[in-house]
Amino acid sequence: MREEKHLNSELLQKELRVGELFKNGFINNSVQFNEVEVTTKDNNSFIRGADFSDTTAIHQFDSEIRVTSDEHLIKLHFSLEGTYCYQPLRHIKYLVQIPENHCNMFYYPITEGRDIFFKGNAKLFEIYVKPSLLQSLLGTKFESSFEKLKAAISNSNSFVLWDKSKFIPPQIRSNINEIIQCPYEDEIRKTYLESKLTVLMIDFLLGRQTSKLSKTNIKLLNSDYLAIVKVEAHIRNNLKEPLKILDLANIAGFNATKLKRDFKKIYGVTVFKYITALRMEVAKSLITQDGATIAYAAYEVGYANPQHFTTAFKRTMGYVPSELKPPVK
């Protein structure tokens, strides 16, 4: 991939050259992943990870990057922090909007588009996939579940999997963290990452949480959708605090009934089930990745009593937290 900064423009240009992109790729050289970080300081934006050939390079840019590809590409995008949008310039009214802690899949036709970032910090995880791999990976499920994608590829039209981006299920976020923090090197690293990427893509495309949500026709105003997304972000950033329905409803600007109804439409579970599941997943990460004690993890996710935490953890995860062990470094 080549990246240039034009002298008369603040826009970066990103050329995705498929031959180079997948040169050291995974799963039959048909999959590649990348981490992107955006930092805003003194009203200036800087991006790292925009150039696959040098992930340490930092570039100043003005909220947008023009993107072209020399072949058809599919992209799975995960906004771990911050909001991201993609817009193909051939269809100017078409916009893929992926808020923080949300994900989506879209198709890069061989036409120019733009990656759009908002002021502030962002962390993204993106997986690029050759369209042919999905068919071999999913088999007959690809034929039955992705007819619109096949048509888009045939006609070189834009495609997005979900009109409203879905939240990142906890097990997929955990899988992403395992990929980013891969403890192995050389051939073992490749085998490990191919395994994790395969599981991640299958869970993303066919997993119970995401497939259940993808079949749901979410009829919400975009303003209501973004209000619920704002509530989810508040929950995620305040797990240590009491999280009451009335307070969350005030954040959304809704009454409690509308909050509970619309939240379940988007996230597939009730507000309280979502909060509990997220608390348990964060606690699991603290114990396994950071080596935290059970008491400390319990406190960090809002439980003053470790025994109450252990009970909730077993009910949610199916085992007690003492069974967790830190990964081998």
C-alpha atoms as a PDB file:
ATOM      1  CA  MET A   1       0.000   0.000   0.000  1.00  0.00           C
ATOM      2  CA  ARG A   2       1.308   3.416  -0.927  1.00  0.00           C
ATOM      3  CA  GLU A   3       0.488   6.548   0.974  1.00  0.00           C
ATOM      4  CA  GLU A   4       1.099  10.128  -0.181  1.00  0.00           C
ATOM      5  CA  LYS A   5       0.420  13.599   1.118  1.00  0.00           C
ATOM      6  CA  HIS A   6      -0.403  16.046  -1.648  1.00  0.00           C
ATOM      7  CA  LEU A   7       1.323  19.415  -1.501  1.00  0.00           C
ATOM      8  CA  ASN A   8      -1.838  21.411  -2.126  1.00  0.00           C
ATOM      9  CA  SER A   9      -4.123  19.397   0.121  1.00  0.00           C
ATOM     10  CA  GLU A  10      -4.311  18.211   3.701  1.00  0.00           C
ATOM     11  CA  LEU A  11      -5.859  14.923   2.556  1.00  0.00           C
ATOM     12  CA  LEU A  12      -3.789  11.773   2.665  1.00  0.00           C
ATOM     13  CA  GLN A  13      -4.089   9.370  -0.243  1.00  0.00           C
ATOM     14  CA  LYS A  14      -4.153   5.645   0.544  1.00  0.00           C
ATOM     15  CA  GLU A  15      -3.729   3.219  -2.349  1.00  0.00           C
ATOM     16  CA  LEU A  16      -4.590  -0.368  -1.440  1.00  0.00           C
ATOM     17  CA  ARG A  17      -2.545  -2.562  -3.746  1.00  0.00           C
ATOM     18  CA  VAL A  18      -3.865  -6.049  -3.200  1.00  0.00           C
ATOM     19  CA  GLY A  19      -0.657  -7.818  -4.246  1.00  0.00           C
ATOM     20  CA  GLU A  20       1.351  -5.939  -1.627  1.00  0.00           C
ATOM     21  CA  LEU A  21      -1.414  -5.934   0.977  1.00  0.00           C
ATOM     22  CA  PHE A  22      -1.665  -9.728   1.146  1.00  0.00           C
ATOM     23  CA  LYS A  23       1.997 -10.485   0.466  1.00  0.00           C
ATOM     24  CA  ASN A  24       2.540 -11.548   4.068  1.00  0.00           C
ATOM     25  CA  GLY A  25      -1.109 -12.217   4.755  1.00  0.00           C
ATOM     26  CA  PHE A  26      -2.986 -15.039   6.423  1.00  0.00           C
ATOM     27  CA  ILE A  27      -5.246 -17.921   5.345  1.00  0.00           C
ATOM     28  CA  ASN A  28      -3.941 -18.567   1.834  1.00  0.00           C
ATOM     29  CA  ASN A  29      -2.709 -14.953   1.574  1.00  0.00           C
ATOM     30  CA  SER A  30      -6.317 -13.743   1.460  1.00  0.00           C
ATOM     31  CA  VAL A  31      -6.618 -12.016   4.850  1.00  0.00           C
ATOM     32  CA  GLN A  32      -4.720  -9.120   6.405  1.00  0.00           C
ATOM     33  CA  PHE A  33      -5.411  -7.145   9.561  1.00  0.00           C
ATOM     34  CA  ASN A  34      -4.315  -3.747  10.753  1.00  0.00           C
ATOM     35  CA  GLU A  35      -4.506  -1.501  13.800  1.00  0.00           C
ATOM     36  CA  VAL A  36      -5.033   2.239  13.365  1.00  0.00           C
ATOM     37  CA  GLU A  37      -4.678   4.921  16.036  1.00  0.00           C
ATOM     38  CA  VAL A  38      -5.751   8.546  15.695  1.00  0.00           C
ATOM     39  CA  THR A  39      -4.609  11.183  18.182  1.00  0.00           C
ATOM     40  CA  THR A  40      -5.791  14.777  18.357  1.00  0.00           C
ATOM     41  CA  LYS A  41      -3.553  17.353  20.024  1.00  0.00           C
ATOM     42  CA  ASP A  42      -3.814  21.139  19.846  1.00  0.00           C
ATOM     43  CA  ASN A  43      -6.602  20.723  17.275  1.00  0.00           C
ATOM     44  CA  ASN A  44      -4.259  18.772  14.960  1.00  0.00           C
ATOM     45  CA  SER A  45      -4.934  15.129  14.029  1.00  0.00           C
ATOM     46  CA  PHE A  46      -2.247  12.471  13.690  1.00  0.00           C
ATOM     47  CA  ILE A  47      -2.698   8.917  12.457  1.00  0.00           C
ATOM     48  CA  ARG A  48      -0.582   5.788  12.938  1.00  0.00           C
ATOM     49  CA  GLY A  49      -1.175   2.535  11.094  1.00  0.00           C
ATOM     50  CA  ALA A  50      -2.514   4.082   7.893  1.00  0.00           C
ATOM     51  CA  ASP A  51       0.481   2.688   6.006  1.00  0.00           C
ATOM     52  CA  PHE A  52       0.702  -1.120   6.188  1.00  0.00           C
ATOM     53  CA  SER A  53       4.336  -1.050   5.129  1.00  0.00           C
ATOM     54  CA  ASP A  54       5.348   0.940   8.204  1.00  0.00           C
ATOM     55  CA  THR A  55       3.000   0.685  11.184  1.00  0.00           C
ATOM     56  CA  THR A  56       5.220   2.999  13.247  1.00  0.00           C
ATOM     57  CA  ALA A  57       4.908   5.941  10.828  1.00  0.00           C
ATOM     58  CA  ILE A  58       2.829   8.865  12.098  1.00  0.00           C
ATOM     59  CA  HIS A  59       1.150  11.259   9.657  1.00  0.00           C
ATOM     60  CA  GLN A  60      -0.674  14.520  10.219  1.00  0.00           C
ATOM     61  CA  PHE A  61      -3.998  14.685   8.411  1.00  0.00           C
ATOM     62  CA  ASP A  62      -7.238  16.632   8.260  1.00  0.00           C
ATOM     63  CA  SER A  63      -9.943  14.145   9.313  1.00  0.00           C
ATOM     64  CA  GLU A  64     -10.163  12.398   5.910  1.00  0.00           C
ATOM     65  CA  ILE A  65      -8.094   9.945   3.879  1.00  0.00           C
ATOM     66  CA  ARG A  66      -8.865   9.264   0.241  1.00  0.00           C
ATOM     67  CA  VAL A  67      -8.839   5.519  -0.456  1.00  0.00           C
ATOM     68  CA  THR A  68      -8.476   3.598  -3.703  1.00  0.00           C
ATOM     69  CA  SER A  69      -7.990  -0.109  -4.364  1.00  0.00           C
ATOM     70  CA  ASP A  70      -6.659  -1.855  -7.460  1.00  0.00           C
ATOM     71  CA  GLU A  71      -8.897  -4.902  -6.818  1.00  0.00           C
ATOM     72  CA  HIS A  72     -12.177  -5.668  -5.102  1.00  0.00           C
ATOM     73  CA  LEU A  73     -11.821  -5.878  -1.313  1.00  0.00           C
ATOM     74  CA  ILE A  74     -14.034  -6.638   1.662  1.00  0.00           C
ATOM     75  CA  LYS A  75     -13.337  -4.874   4.933  1.00  0.00           C
ATOM     76  CA  LEU A  76     -14.453  -5.864   8.445  1.00  0.00           C
ATOM     77  CA  HIS A  77     -14.146  -2.750  10.588  1.00  0.00           C
ATOM     78  CA  PHE A  78     -14.181  -2.541  14.402  1.00  0.00           C
ATOM     79  CA  SER A  79     -14.245   0.905  16.066  1.00  0.00           C
ATOM     80  CA  LEU A  80     -12.662   0.100  19.424  1.00  0.00           C
ATOM     81  CA  GLU A  81     -12.530   3.791  20.338  1.00  0.00           C
ATOM     82  CA  GLY A  82     -13.893   6.824  18.518  1.00  0.00           C
ATOM     83  CA  THR A  83     -16.209   7.049  15.502  1.00  0.00           C
ATOM     84  CA  TYR A  84     -15.321   6.199  11.903  1.00  0.00           C
ATOM     85  CA  CYS A  85     -17.126   6.578   8.578  1.00  0.00           C
ATOM     86  CA  TYR A  86     -16.486   5.377   5.050  1.00  0.00           C
ATOM     87  CA  GLN A  87     -18.013   6.979   1.983  1.00  0.00           C
ATOM     88  CA  PRO A  88     -17.576   5.760  -1.612  1.00  0.00           C
ATOM     89  CA  LEU A  89     -17.312   8.871  -3.779  1.00  0.00           C
ATOM     90  CA  ARG A  90     -19.216   7.203  -6.608  1.00  0.00           C
ATOM     91  CA  HIS A  91     -22.291   7.102  -4.349  1.00  0.00           C
ATOM     92  CA  ILE A  92     -21.993  10.345  -2.387  1.00  0.00           C
ATOM     93  CA  LYS A  93     -25.219   9.783  -0.412  1.00  0.00           C
ATOM     94  CA  TYR A  94     -24.036   6.386   0.767  1.00  0.00           C
ATOM     95  CA  LEU A  95     -22.282   6.476   4.152  1.00  0.00           C
ATOM     96  CA  VAL A  96     -21.038   3.671   6.407  1.00  0.00           C
ATOM     97  CA  GLN A  97     -21.153   5.039   9.950  1.00  0.00           C
ATOM     98  CA  ILE A  98     -19.424   2.973  12.672  1.00  0.00           C
ATOM     99  CA  PRO A  99     -19.585   4.528  16.165  1.00  0.00           C
ATOM    100  CA  GLU A 100     -17.339   3.584  19.064  1.00  0.00           C
ATOM    101  CA  ASN A 101     -17.592  -0.092  20.128  1.00  0.00           C
ATOM    102  CA  HIS A 102     -19.461  -0.917  16.916  1.00  0.00           C
ATOM    103  CA  CYS A 103     -18.563  -2.897  13.829  1.00  0.00           C
ATOM    104  CA  ASN A 104     -19.656  -3.438  10.262  1.00  0.00           C
ATOM    105  CA  MET A 105     -18.550  -5.010   7.014  1.00  0.00           C
ATOM    106  CA  PHE A 106     -18.459  -3.215   3.696  1.00  0.00           C
ATOM    107  CA  TYR A 107     -17.139  -3.700   0.221  1.00  0.00           C
ATOM    108  CA  TYR A 108     -14.438  -1.607  -1.455  1.00  0.00           C
ATOM    109  CA  PRO A 109     -15.238  -1.478  -5.165  1.00  0.00           C
ATOM    110  CA  ILE A 110     -12.513  -0.296  -7.552  1.00  0.00           C
ATOM    111  CA  THR A 111     -13.553   3.321  -7.175  1.00  0.00           C
ATOM    112  CA  GLU A 112     -12.363   6.108  -4.937  1.00  0.00           C
ATOM    113  CA  GLY A 113     -13.751   6.515  -1.431  1.00  0.00           C
ATOM    114  CA  ARG A 114     -12.794   8.240   1.777  1.00  0.00           C
ATOM    115  CA  ASP A 115     -12.119   7.225   5.369  1.00  0.00           C
ATOM    116  CA  ILE A 116     -13.569   9.874   7.683  1.00  0.00           C
ATOM    117  CA  PHE A 117     -12.528  10.451  11.292  1.00  0.00           C
ATOM    118  CA  PHE A 118     -13.869  12.903  13.842  1.00  0.00           C
ATOM    119  CA  LYS A 119     -11.817  15.151  16.102  1.00  0.00           C
ATOM    120  CA  GLY A 120     -10.565  13.194  19.069  1.00  0.00           C
ATOM    121  CA  ASN A 121      -8.727   9.945  19.700  1.00  0.00           C
ATOM    122  CA  ALA A 122      -9.621   6.718  17.919  1.00  0.00           C
ATOM    123  CA  LYS A 123      -8.485   3.105  17.868  1.00  0.00           C
ATOM    124  CA  LEU A 124      -9.561   0.869  15.013  1.00  0.00           C
ATOM    125  CA  PHE A 125      -9.084  -2.775  14.131  1.00  0.00           C
ATOM    126  CA  GLU A 126      -9.669  -3.652  10.500  1.00  0.00           C
ATOM    127  CA  ILE A 127      -9.549  -6.907   8.563  1.00  0.00           C
ATOM    128  CA  TYR A 128      -9.170  -6.912   4.774  1.00  0.00           C
ATOM    129  CA  VAL A 129     -10.435 -10.001   2.964  1.00  0.00           C
ATOM    130  CA  LYS A 130     -10.376 -11.152  -0.648  1.00  0.00           C
ATOM    131  CA  PRO A 131     -14.007 -11.824  -1.668  1.00  0.00           C
ATOM    132  CA  SER A 132     -13.112 -15.316  -2.898  1.00  0.00           C
ATOM    133  CA  LEU A 133     -12.097 -16.340   0.632  1.00  0.00           C
ATOM    134  CA  LEU A 134     -15.561 -15.799   2.083  1.00  0.00           C
ATOM    135  CA  GLN A 135     -17.023 -18.362  -0.266  1.00  0.00           C
ATOM    136  CA  SER A 136     -14.440 -21.004   0.660  1.00  0.00           C
ATOM    137  CA  LEU A 137     -14.668 -20.098   4.361  1.00  0.00           C
ATOM    138  CA  LEU A 138     -18.465 -20.152   4.653  1.00  0.00           C
ATOM    139  CA  GLY A 139     -19.362 -22.694   1.949  1.00  0.00           C
ATOM    140  CA  THR A 140     -23.100 -22.959   1.291  1.00  0.00           C
ATOM    141  CA  LYS A 141     -23.782 -20.382   4.015  1.00  0.00           C
ATOM    142  CA  PHE A 142     -22.179 -17.773   1.757  1.00  0.00           C
ATOM    143  CA  GLU A 143     -24.595 -18.613  -1.057  1.00  0.00           C
ATOM    144  CA  SER A 144     -27.655 -18.349   1.181  1.00  0.00           C
ATOM    145  CA  SER A 145     -26.662 -15.426   3.395  1.00  0.00           C
ATOM    146  CA  PHE A 146     -24.731 -13.022   1.168  1.00  0.00           C
ATOM    147  CA  GLU A 147     -26.629 -12.769  -2.109  1.00  0.00           C
ATOM    148  CA  LYS A 148     -26.575  -8.941  -2.000  1.00  0.00           C
ATOM    149  CA  LEU A 149     -22.809  -8.951  -1.512  1.00  0.00           C
ATOM    150  CA  LYS A 150     -22.357 -11.275  -4.489  1.00  0.00           C
ATOM    151  CA  ALA A 151     -24.515  -8.970  -6.626  1.00  0.00           C
ATOM    152  CA  ALA A 152     -22.561  -5.900  -5.470  1.00  0.00           C
ATOM    153  CA  ILE A 153     -19.255  -7.527  -6.396  1.00  0.00           C
ATOM    154  CA  SER A 154     -20.586  -8.599  -9.804  1.00  0.00           C
ATOM    155  CA  ASN A 155     -21.797  -5.066 -10.571  1.00  0.00           C
ATOM    156  CA  SER A 156     -18.975  -3.208  -8.755  1.00  0.00           C
ATOM    157  CA  ASN A 157     -21.561  -1.483  -6.560  1.00  0.00           C
ATOM    158  CA  SER A 158     -21.174  -0.379  -2.967  1.00  0.00           C
ATOM    159  CA  PHE A 159     -22.303  -2.739  -0.219  1.00  0.00           C
ATOM    160  CA  VAL A 160     -22.641  -2.549   3.562  1.00  0.00           C
ATOM    161  CA  LEU A 161     -23.684  -5.512   5.704  1.00  0.00           C
ATOM    162  CA  TRP A 162     -25.851  -3.570   8.160  1.00  0.00           C
ATOM    163  CA  ASP A 163     -27.651  -0.273   7.681  1.00  0.00           C
ATOM    164  CA  LYS A 164     -27.088   0.451  11.380  1.00  0.00           C
ATOM    165  CA  SER A 165     -23.699  -0.790  12.610  1.00  0.00           C
ATOM    166  CA  LYS A 166     -23.850  -3.426  15.370  1.00  0.00           C
ATOM    167  CA  PHE A 167     -22.105  -3.379  18.736  1.00  0.00           C
ATOM    168  CA  ILE A 168     -18.977  -5.500  19.073  1.00  0.00           C
ATOM    169  CA  PRO A 169     -19.990  -8.638  21.015  1.00  0.00           C
ATOM    170  CA  PRO A 170     -17.768  -9.205  24.080  1.00  0.00           C
ATOM    171  CA  GLN A 171     -16.329 -12.491  22.770  1.00  0.00           C
ATOM    172  CA  ILE A 172     -15.301 -10.810  19.500  1.00  0.00           C
ATOM    173  CA  ARG A 173     -13.666  -7.899  21.343  1.00  0.00           C
ATOM    174  CA  SER A 174     -11.803 -10.482  23.446  1.00  0.00           C
ATOM    175  CA  ASN A 175     -10.696 -12.248  20.252  1.00  0.00           C
ATOM    176  CA  ILE A 176      -9.437  -8.958  18.810  1.00  0.00           C
ATOM    177  CA  ASN A 177      -7.401  -8.346  21.962  1.00  0.00           C
ATOM    178  CA  GLU A 178      -5.872 -11.821  21.660  1.00  0.00           C
ATOM    179  CA  ILE A 179      -4.855 -11.082  18.062  1.00  0.00           C
ATOM    180  CA  ILE A 180      -3.353  -7.704  18.963  1.00  0.00           C
ATOM    181  CA  GLN A 181      -1.495  -9.165  21.953  1.00  0.00           C
ATOM    182  CA  CYS A 182      -0.300 -12.346  20.205  1.00  0.00           C
ATOM    183  CA  PRO A 183       2.500 -13.740  22.450  1.00  0.00           C
ATOM    184  CA  TYR A 184       4.152 -15.904  19.758  1.00  0.00           C
ATOM    185  CA  GLU A 185       6.636 -15.386  16.939  1.00  0.00           C
ATOM    186  CA  ASP A 186       7.541 -16.832  13.536  1.00  0.00           C
ATOM    187  CA  GLU A 187       5.528 -19.823  12.253  1.00  0.00           C
ATOM    188  CA  ILE A 188       3.744 -20.369  15.569  1.00  0.00           C
ATOM    189  CA  ARG A 189       2.557 -16.751  15.409  1.00  0.00           C
ATOM    190  CA  LYS A 190       1.152 -17.314  11.921  1.00  0.00           C
ATOM    191  CA  THR A 191      -0.679 -20.485  12.954  1.00  0.00           C
ATOM    192  CA  TYR A 192      -2.055 -18.793  16.074  1.00  0.00           C
ATOM    193  CA  LEU A 193      -3.262 -15.709  14.201  1.00  0.00           C
ATOM    194  CA  GLU A 194      -4.826 -17.698  11.372  1.00  0.00           C
ATOM    195  CA  SER A 195      -6.791 -19.674  13.953  1.00  0.00           C
ATOM    196  CA  LYS A 196      -7.960 -16.529  15.769  1.00  0.00           C
ATOM    197  CA  LEU A 197      -8.819 -14.692  12.526  1.00  0.00           C
ATOM    198  CA  THR A 198     -10.842 -17.653  11.254  1.00  0.00           C
ATOM    199  CA  VAL A 199     -12.859 -17.845  14.473  1.00  0.00           C
ATOM    200  CA  LEU A 200     -13.347 -14.074  14.539  1.00  0.00           C
ATOM    201  CA  MET A 201     -14.654 -13.918  10.961  1.00  0.00           C
ATOM    202  CA  ILE A 202     -17.014 -16.874  11.430  1.00  0.00           C
ATOM    203  CA  ASP A 203     -18.336 -15.454  14.718  1.00  0.00           C
ATOM    204  CA  PHE A 204     -18.734 -12.035  13.097  1.00  0.00           C
ATOM    205  CA  LEU A 205     -20.600 -13.334  10.043  1.00  0.00           C
ATOM    206  CA  LEU A 206     -22.530 -16.280  11.468  1.00  0.00           C
ATOM    207  CA  GLY A 207     -22.223 -16.037  15.261  1.00  0.00           C
ATOM    208  CA  ARG A 208     -25.380 -16.165  17.346  1.00  0.00           C
ATOM    209  CA  GLN A 209     -25.201 -12.585  18.592  1.00  0.00           C
ATOM    210  CA  THR A 210     -24.367 -10.870  15.319  1.00  0.00           C
ATOM    211  CA  SER A 211     -26.510 -13.108  13.091  1.00  0.00           C
ATOM    212  CA  LYS A 212     -29.470 -12.653  15.406  1.00  0.00           C
ATOM    213  CA  LEU A 213     -29.073  -8.895  15.219  1.00  0.00           C
ATOM    214  CA  SER A 214     -28.479  -8.866  11.463  1.00  0.00           C
ATOM    215  CA  LYS A 215     -31.879 -10.493  10.893  1.00  0.00           C
ATOM    216  CA  THR A 216     -33.566  -7.815  12.955  1.00  0.00           C
ATOM    217  CA  ASN A 217     -34.975  -4.960  10.903  1.00  0.00           C
ATOM    218  CA  ILE A 218     -34.089  -2.021  13.145  1.00  0.00           C
ATOM    219  CA  LYS A 219     -36.452   0.832  12.374  1.00  0.00           C
ATOM    220  CA  LEU A 220     -35.058   3.799  14.263  1.00  0.00           C
ATOM    221  CA  LEU A 221     -34.371   7.400  13.422  1.00  0.00           C
ATOM    222  CA  ASN A 222     -30.627   7.928  13.091  1.00  0.00           C
ATOM    223  CA  SER A 223     -30.790  10.466  15.924  1.00  0.00           C
ATOM    224  CA  ASP A 224     -32.406   7.854  18.214  1.00  0.00           C
ATOM    225  CA  TYR A 225     -29.824   5.254  17.158  1.00  0.00           C
ATOM    226  CA  LEU A 226     -26.956   7.632  17.996  1.00  0.00           C
ATOM    227  CA  ALA A 227     -28.605   8.501  21.341  1.00  0.00           C
ATOM    228  CA  ILE A 228     -28.615   4.800  22.304  1.00  0.00           C
ATOM    229  CA  VAL A 229     -25.003   4.495  21.125  1.00  0.00           C
ATOM    230  CA  LYS A 230     -24.176   7.399  23.466  1.00  0.00           C
ATOM    231  CA  VAL A 231     -25.792   5.508  26.348  1.00  0.00           C
ATOM    232  CA  GLU A 232     -23.788   2.366  25.528  1.00  0.00           C
ATOM    233  CA  ALA A 233     -20.570   4.399  25.543  1.00  0.00           C
ATOM    234  CA  HIS A 234     -21.496   5.849  28.944  1.00  0.00           C
ATOM    235  CA  ILE A 235     -22.118   2.333  30.294  1.00  0.00           C
ATOM    236  CA  ARG A 236     -18.792   1.060  28.987  1.00  0.00           C
ATOM    237  CA  ASN A 237     -16.848   3.992  30.428  1.00  0.00           C
ATOM    238  CA  ASN A 238     -18.544   3.902  33.854  1.00  0.00           C
ATOM    239  CA  LEU A 239     -18.776   0.233  34.813  1.00  0.00           C
ATOM    240  CA  LYS A 240     -17.474   0.997  38.298  1.00  0.00           C
ATOM    241  CA  GLU A 241     -20.409   3.328  38.973  1.00  0.00           C
ATOM    242  CA  PRO A 242     -24.083   2.525  39.720  1.00  0.00           C
ATOM    243  CA  LEU A 243     -25.903   2.520  36.387  1.00  0.00           C
ATOM    244  CA  LYS A 244     -29.575   3.358  36.818  1.00  0.00           C
ATOM    245  CA  ILE A 245     -32.196   3.298  34.082  1.00  0.00           C
ATOM    246  CA  LEU A 246     -33.465   6.807  34.816  1.00  0.00           C
ATOM    247  CA  ASP A 247     -29.957   8.254  34.621  1.00  0.00           C
ATOM    248  CA  LEU A 248     -29.294   6.432  31.342  1.00  0.00           C
ATOM    249  CA  ALA A 249     -32.633   7.615  29.970  1.00  0.00           C
ATOM    250  CA  ASN A 250     -31.655  11.205  30.759  1.00  0.00           C
ATOM    251  CA  ILE A 251     -28.417  10.762  28.831  1.00  0.00           C
ATOM    252  CA  ALA A 252     -30.386   9.553  25.806  1.00  0.00           C
ATOM    253  CA  GLY A 253     -33.064  12.219  26.182  1.00  0.00           C
ATOM    254  CA  PHE A 254     -35.748   9.495  26.302  1.00  0.00           C
ATOM    255  CA  ASN A 255     -38.162   8.209  28.884  1.00  0.00           C
ATOM    256  CA  ALA A 256     -37.224   4.901  30.526  1.00  0.00           C
ATOM    257  CA  THR A 257     -39.670   2.838  28.456  1.00  0.00           C
ATOM    258  CA  LYS A 258     -38.299   4.094  25.139  1.00  0.00           C
ATOM    259  CA  LEU A 259     -34.709   3.611  26.318  1.00  0.00           C
ATOM    260  CA  LYS A 260     -35.314  -0.037  27.264  1.00  0.00           C
ATOM    261  CA  ARG A 261     -37.228  -0.776  24.047  1.00  0.00           C
ATOM    262  CA  ASP A 262     -34.744   0.861  21.673  1.00  0.00           C
ATOM    263  CA  PHE A 263     -31.684  -0.468  23.509  1.00  0.00           C
ATOM    264  CA  LYS A 264     -32.922  -4.044  23.093  1.00  0.00           C
ATOM    265  CA  LYS A 265     -33.659  -3.405  19.405  1.00  0.00           C
ATOM    266  CA  ILE A 266     -30.034  -2.437  18.795  1.00  0.00           C
ATOM    267  CA  TYR A 267     -28.142  -4.688  21.220  1.00  0.00           C
ATOM    268  CA  GLY A 268     -30.448  -7.708  21.312  1.00  0.00           C
ATOM    269  CA  VAL A 269     -30.607  -7.891  25.130  1.00  0.00           C
ATOM    270  CA  THR A 270     -32.006  -5.797  27.972  1.00  0.00           C
ATOM    271  CA  VAL A 271     -29.982  -2.924  29.387  1.00  0.00           C
ATOM    272  CA  PHE A 272     -29.215  -4.798  32.612  1.00  0.00           C
ATOM    273  CA  LYS A 273     -28.169  -8.012  30.853  1.00  0.00           C
ATOM    274  CA  TYR A 274     -25.867  -5.984  28.631  1.00  0.00           C
ATOM    275  CA  ILE A 275     -24.321  -4.200  31.628  1.00  0.00           C
ATOM    276  CA  THR A 276     -23.747  -7.489  33.467  1.00  0.00           C
ATOM    277  CA  ALA A 277     -22.238  -9.231  30.435  1.00  0.00           C
ATOM    278  CA  LEU A 278     -19.914  -6.290  29.790  1.00  0.00           C
ATOM    279  CA  ARG A 279     -18.831  -6.158  33.428  1.00  0.00           C
ATOM    280  CA  MET A 280     -17.974  -9.852  33.392  1.00  0.00           C
ATOM    281  CA  GLU A 281     -16.030  -9.593  30.133  1.00  0.00           C
ATOM    282  CA  VAL A 282     -14.023  -6.611  31.411  1.00  0.00           C
ATOM    283  CA  ALA A 283     -13.342  -8.405  34.695  1.00  0.00           C
ATOM    284  CA  LYS A 284     -12.198 -11.487  32.769  1.00  0.00           C
ATOM    285  CA  SER A 285      -9.775  -9.346  30.771  1.00  0.00           C
ATOM    286  CA  LEU A 286      -8.412  -7.716  33.951  1.00  0.00           C
ATOM    287  CA  ILE A 287      -7.754 -11.118  35.509  1.00  0.00           C
ATOM    288  CA  THR A 288      -6.312 -12.891  32.464  1.00  0.00           C
ATOM    289  CA  GLN A 289      -4.513 -10.052  30.685  1.00  0.00           C
ATOM    290  CA  ASP A 290      -3.481  -7.790  33.581  1.00  0.00           C
ATOM    291  CA  GLY A 291      -3.077 -10.392  36.317  1.00  0.00           C
ATOM    292  CA  ALA A 292      -5.563  -8.597  38.587  1.00  0.00           C
ATOM    293  CA  THR A 293      -6.914 -10.272  41.697  1.00  0.00           C
ATOM    294  CA  ILE A 294     -10.566 -11.275  41.770  1.00  0.00           C
ATOM    295  CA  ALA A 295     -11.278  -8.664  44.439  1.00  0.00           C
ATOM    296  CA  TYR A 296      -9.649  -5.896  42.382  1.00  0.00           C
ATOM    297  CA  ALA A 297     -11.452  -6.946  39.171  1.00  0.00           C
ATOM    298  CA  ALA A 298     -14.747  -7.064  41.054  1.00  0.00           C
ATOM    299  CA  TYR A 299     -14.225  -3.541  42.396  1.00  0.00           C
ATOM    300  CA  GLU A 300     -13.245  -2.175  38.973  1.00  0.00           C
ATOM    301  CA  VAL A 301     -16.533  -3.329  37.446  1.00  0.00           C
ATOM    302  CA  GLY A 302     -18.773  -2.072  40.224  1.00  0.00           C
ATOM    303  CA  TYR A 303     -18.936  -4.896  42.802  1.00  0.00           C
ATOM    304  CA  ALA A 304     -18.021  -3.954  46.376  1.00  0.00           C
ATOM    305  CA  ASN A 305     -18.517  -7.564  47.513  1.00  0.00           C
ATOM    306  CA  PRO A 306     -16.256 -10.116  45.718  1.00  0.00           C
ATOM    307  CA  GLN A 307     -18.650 -12.946  46.607  1.00  0.00           C
ATOM    308  CA  HIS A 308     -21.533 -11.181  44.860  1.00  0.00           C
ATOM    309  CA  PHE A 309     -19.228 -10.726  41.872  1.00  0.00           C
ATOM    310  CA  THR A 310     -18.261 -14.409  41.855  1.00  0.00           C
ATOM    311  CA  THR A 311     -21.936 -15.413  41.889  1.00  0.00           C
ATOM    312  CA  ALA A 312     -22.764 -13.063  38.990  1.00  0.00           C
ATOM    313  CA  PHE A 313     -19.669 -14.183  37.072  1.00  0.00           C
ATOM    314  CA  LYS A 314     -20.577 -17.880  37.323  1.00  0.00           C
ATOM    315  CA  ARG A 315     -24.185 -17.189  36.339  1.00  0.00           C
ATOM    316  CA  THR A 316     -23.033 -15.226  33.275  1.00  0.00           C
ATOM    317  CA  MET A 317     -19.898 -17.080  32.165  1.00  0.00           C
ATOM    318  CA  GLY A 318     -20.657 -20.612  33.382  1.00  0.00           C
ATOM    319  CA  TYR A 319     -17.586 -20.959  35.601  1.00  0.00           C
ATOM    320  CA  VAL A 320     -16.064 -19.208  38.610  1.00  0.00           C
ATOM    321  CA  PRO A 321     -13.401 -16.489  38.119  1.00  0.00           C
ATOM    322  CA  SER A 322     -10.825 -18.478  40.130  1.00  0.00           C
ATOM    323  CA  GLU A 323     -10.595 -20.848  37.133  1.00  0.00           C
ATOM    324  CA  LEU A 324      -9.067 -18.072  35.035  1.00  0.00           C
ATOM    325  CA  LYS A 325      -5.314 -18.012  34.582  1.00  0.00           C
ATOM    326  CA  PRO A 326      -3.106 -15.270  33.102  1.00  0.00           C
ATOM    327  CA  PRO A 327      -1.866 -16.103  29.569  1.00  0.00           C
ATOM    328  CA  VAL A 328       1.678 -17.393  29.080  1.00  0.00           C
ATOM    329  CA  LYS A 329       3.961 -14.462  28.269  1.00  0.00           C
END
